[in-house]
Amino acid sequence: MPMIRLPRLYAVIDSSCFLDADALFAAAQHLEAGGCSLVQYRNKSGNARIMLEQGQELRRRLGRGVQLMMNDRADLCLAAGFDGVHVGQDDLSPESVRKIVGPKFWLGVSTHNPAQLQSADATSADYIAVGPVFSTPSKDQPDPVVGLEGVRRARELTRKPLVAIGGITRENAASVIEAGADSVAVISDLLAEPRKSAEEFFRILR
């Protein structure tokens, strides 16, 4: 399978960060206008109907130049017309997801330590995420921070594209790329003025 090429910025839209669906959709469109070509939709509420409706609307509003990733749910990825799935350690296994979505969809896996990363490397995942690199407010019970050293170690353990996530901002993003990440996944530092924020990330990470 040919290796995918990740953009430097991987935007994550978390539904819990927005007052309503319209604000979420508007943010996604601003991110697209700011140059984002890879966007993950994350909704931990567990309401599949709402996730599907919001996913379908995101797909409708964003151009085909945007690769849309569904967090956790392979079934909703297919139903909403997304391009891939991102799973964590407590979700379906990468190979189970691959059986559902087939070979053409992007598949990403979150890892938090070298053992998990080596396991993910042996699967058909297209990219591996490692984190949290820094402390992050986006999870109620975050895994231990891995730091830049954790990114360097991850880079040594896999040749797959590597996404760093967790507490990444415009101030520290360049150091994360220098440590070996191919891309940085960002939630919080894109919330204020999404288009302008995305453009600044791309300027920093050129």
Protein backbone atom coordinates (compact mmCIF):
# COMPACT_ATOMS: atom_id res chain seq x y z
CA MET A 1 0.00 0.00 0.00
CA PRO A 2 1.53 3.38 -0.97
CA MET A 3 2.35 5.67 1.93
CA ILE A 4 0.03 8.63 2.38
CA ARG A 5 1.32 12.19 2.57
CA LEU A 6 0.07 14.23 5.50
CA PRO A 7 -0.25 18.01 5.54
CA ARG A 8 1.70 19.76 8.30
CA LEU A 9 -1.54 20.73 10.08
CA TYR A 10 -4.22 18.20 10.98
CA ALA A 11 -7.26 20.11 12.24
CA VAL A 12 -9.51 18.39 14.78
CA ILE A 13 -13.04 19.71 15.25
CA ASP A 14 -14.44 18.61 18.60
CA SER A 15 -18.20 19.13 18.89
CA SER A 16 -17.90 19.83 22.63
CA CYS A 17 -15.97 23.05 21.84
CA PHE A 18 -18.92 24.67 20.05
CA LEU A 19 -22.20 26.14 21.29
CA ASP A 20 -24.16 24.59 18.44
CA ALA A 21 -23.84 22.76 15.14
CA ASP A 22 -23.87 25.95 13.07
CA ALA A 23 -20.77 27.20 14.91
CA LEU A 24 -19.08 23.87 14.27
CA PHE A 25 -19.87 23.98 10.55
CA ALA A 26 -18.72 27.60 10.28
CA ALA A 27 -15.42 26.75 11.97
CA ALA A 28 -14.87 23.88 9.54
CA GLN A 29 -15.43 26.16 6.57
CA HIS A 30 -13.05 28.77 8.00
CA LEU A 31 -10.42 26.08 8.46
CA GLU A 32 -10.83 25.03 4.84
CA ALA A 33 -10.47 28.66 3.78
CA GLY A 34 -7.28 28.83 5.88
CA GLY A 35 -5.74 25.97 3.91
CA CYS A 36 -6.68 22.90 5.96
CA SER A 37 -6.94 19.80 3.80
CA LEU A 38 -7.19 17.22 6.60
CA VAL A 39 -9.96 17.60 9.19
CA GLN A 40 -11.11 15.16 11.86
CA TYR A 41 -14.63 15.31 13.26
CA ARG A 42 -14.71 14.27 16.90
CA ASN A 43 -17.88 13.83 18.95
CA LYS A 44 -17.64 11.89 22.20
CA SER A 45 -21.33 12.30 23.12
CA GLY A 46 -22.12 8.85 21.82
CA ASN A 47 -25.25 10.02 19.96
CA ALA A 48 -24.86 8.27 16.61
CA ARG A 49 -27.79 10.06 14.98
CA ILE A 50 -26.37 13.50 15.73
CA MET A 51 -22.89 12.39 14.67
CA LEU A 52 -24.23 11.15 11.36
CA GLU A 53 -26.26 14.31 10.71
CA GLN A 54 -23.34 16.58 11.55
CA GLY A 55 -20.95 14.40 9.56
CA GLN A 56 -23.16 14.51 6.47
CA GLU A 57 -23.45 18.28 6.76
CA LEU A 58 -19.68 18.65 7.08
CA ARG A 59 -19.23 16.54 3.97
CA ARG A 60 -21.78 18.67 2.13
CA ARG A 61 -20.17 21.97 3.12
CA LEU A 62 -16.52 21.09 2.62
CA GLY A 63 -14.99 20.58 -0.79
CA ARG A 64 -13.52 17.31 -1.98
CA GLY A 65 -10.10 18.86 -1.45
CA VAL A 66 -10.64 18.28 2.29
CA GLN A 67 -9.93 14.80 3.62
CA LEU A 68 -12.54 14.18 6.33
CA MET A 69 -11.74 11.76 9.13
CA MET A 70 -14.31 10.31 11.53
CA ASN A 71 -13.17 9.77 15.11
CA ASP A 72 -13.86 6.26 16.45
CA ARG A 73 -16.76 5.20 14.24
CA ALA A 74 -16.04 3.22 11.06
CA ASP A 75 -19.77 2.77 10.37
CA LEU A 76 -20.43 6.51 10.51
CA CYS A 77 -17.40 7.21 8.35
CA LEU A 78 -19.02 5.19 5.57
CA ALA A 79 -22.52 6.51 6.16
CA ALA A 80 -21.43 10.17 6.15
CA GLY A 81 -19.22 9.86 3.07
CA PHE A 82 -15.97 10.55 4.94
CA ASP A 83 -12.49 9.60 3.73
CA GLY A 84 -11.14 7.78 6.76
CA VAL A 85 -11.34 6.78 10.42
CA HIS A 86 -9.17 7.57 13.42
CA VAL A 87 -9.32 5.13 16.33
CA GLY A 88 -7.96 5.15 19.86
CA GLN A 89 -6.70 2.38 22.10
CA ASP A 90 -10.20 1.65 23.45
CA ASP A 91 -11.95 1.56 20.07
CA LEU A 92 -12.17 -1.19 17.46
CA SER A 93 -8.79 -2.60 16.48
CA PRO A 94 -7.22 -1.17 13.31
CA GLU A 95 -7.70 -4.47 11.48
CA SER A 96 -11.37 -4.63 12.46
CA VAL A 97 -11.82 -1.10 11.11
CA ARG A 98 -9.97 -2.02 7.92
CA LYS A 99 -12.38 -4.90 7.35
CA ILE A 100 -15.30 -2.46 7.60
CA VAL A 101 -13.98 0.40 5.45
CA GLY A 102 -11.76 -1.45 2.98
CA PRO A 103 -8.32 -0.57 1.60
CA LYS A 104 -8.99 2.86 0.09
CA PHE A 105 -9.93 4.71 3.27
CA TRP A 106 -7.35 6.38 5.48
CA LEU A 107 -6.89 4.77 8.88
CA GLY A 108 -5.13 6.41 11.82
CA VAL A 109 -4.38 5.05 15.29
CA SER A 110 -3.66 6.91 18.54
CA THR A 111 -0.74 5.67 20.64
CA HIS A 112 0.66 6.83 23.97
CA ASN A 113 3.79 4.75 24.53
CA PRO A 114 6.39 2.77 22.56
CA ALA A 115 4.61 -0.58 23.01
CA GLN A 116 1.35 0.76 21.57
CA LEU A 117 3.23 2.42 18.74
CA GLN A 118 5.01 -0.79 17.77
CA SER A 119 1.68 -2.64 17.79
CA ALA A 120 0.11 0.03 15.57
CA ASP A 121 3.09 -0.06 13.24
CA ALA A 122 2.41 -3.74 12.54
CA THR A 123 -1.17 -3.02 11.39
CA SER A 124 -2.51 -1.61 8.13
CA ALA A 125 -2.88 1.86 9.69
CA ASP A 126 -1.89 4.60 7.26
CA TYR A 127 -0.56 6.89 9.97
CA ILE A 128 0.15 6.76 13.69
CA ALA A 129 -0.62 9.49 16.21
CA VAL A 130 1.47 9.92 19.33
CA GLY A 131 0.66 12.00 22.39
CA PRO A 132 -0.18 13.86 24.40
CA VAL A 133 3.03 15.73 23.61
CA PHE A 134 2.19 18.51 26.06
CA SER A 135 -0.54 18.80 28.70
CA THR A 136 -3.93 19.21 27.06
CA PRO A 137 -7.37 20.44 28.18
CA SER A 138 -9.24 18.46 25.50
CA LYS A 139 -9.49 15.17 27.44
CA ASP A 140 -11.01 14.54 30.86
CA GLN A 141 -8.48 11.83 31.74
CA PRO A 142 -5.47 12.35 29.51
CA ASP A 143 -2.65 9.84 29.16
CA PRO A 144 0.77 10.78 30.58
CA VAL A 145 2.56 13.48 28.62
CA VAL A 146 5.21 12.02 26.28
CA GLY A 147 7.05 15.28 25.54
CA LEU A 148 9.30 15.97 22.57
CA GLU A 149 11.42 12.98 23.59
CA GLY A 150 8.36 10.77 23.08
CA VAL A 151 7.98 12.15 19.55
CA ARG A 152 11.67 11.45 18.83
CA ARG A 153 11.29 7.89 20.13
CA ALA A 154 8.16 7.37 18.05
CA ARG A 155 10.02 8.54 14.97
CA GLU A 156 12.68 5.89 15.59
CA LEU A 157 10.05 3.15 15.89
CA THR A 158 8.03 3.68 12.71
CA ARG A 159 8.42 4.68 9.10
CA LYS A 160 4.70 5.39 8.83
CA PRO A 161 3.59 9.05 8.77
CA LEU A 162 3.60 10.37 12.33
CA VAL A 163 1.04 12.77 13.81
CA ALA A 164 1.78 14.49 17.11
CA ILE A 165 -1.17 15.55 19.25
CA GLY A 166 -1.81 17.11 22.64
CA GLY A 167 -1.32 20.70 23.74
CA ILE A 168 0.23 21.78 20.44
CA THR A 169 0.12 25.52 19.76
CA ARG A 170 1.62 27.98 17.31
CA GLU A 171 4.34 28.60 19.92
CA ASN A 172 5.54 25.00 20.16
CA ALA A 173 4.49 23.43 16.82
CA ALA A 174 7.84 23.95 15.08
CA SER A 175 9.67 22.09 17.87
CA VAL A 176 7.31 19.13 17.43
CA ILE A 177 8.02 18.90 13.69
CA GLU A 178 11.75 19.20 14.40
CA ALA A 179 11.43 16.27 16.81
CA GLY A 180 10.24 14.08 13.93
CA ALA A 181 6.49 14.48 13.50
CA ASP A 182 5.17 14.80 9.96
CA SER A 183 2.03 16.60 11.09
CA VAL A 184 0.57 18.26 14.19
CA ALA A 185 -3.03 17.66 15.24
CA VAL A 186 -4.58 20.73 16.84
CA ILE A 187 -7.89 21.39 18.58
CA SER A 188 -7.76 24.29 21.04
CA ASP A 189 -5.37 26.64 19.23
CA LEU A 190 -7.63 26.69 16.17
CA LEU A 191 -10.82 27.71 17.99
CA ALA A 192 -10.28 31.47 18.01
CA GLU A 193 -10.39 32.82 14.45
CA PRO A 194 -9.97 29.41 12.78
CA ARG A 195 -8.98 30.71 9.35
CA LYS A 196 -6.35 33.13 10.67
CA SER A 197 -5.04 30.55 13.14
CA ALA A 198 -4.70 27.89 10.42
CA GLU A 199 -2.90 30.30 8.13
CA GLU A 200 -0.45 31.14 10.92
CA PHE A 201 0.23 27.45 11.59
CA PHE A 202 1.01 26.89 7.91
CA ARG A 203 3.36 29.90 7.87
CA ILE A 204 5.19 28.56 10.93
CA LEU A 205 5.39 25.00 9.63
CA ARG A 206 6.49 25.64 6.06
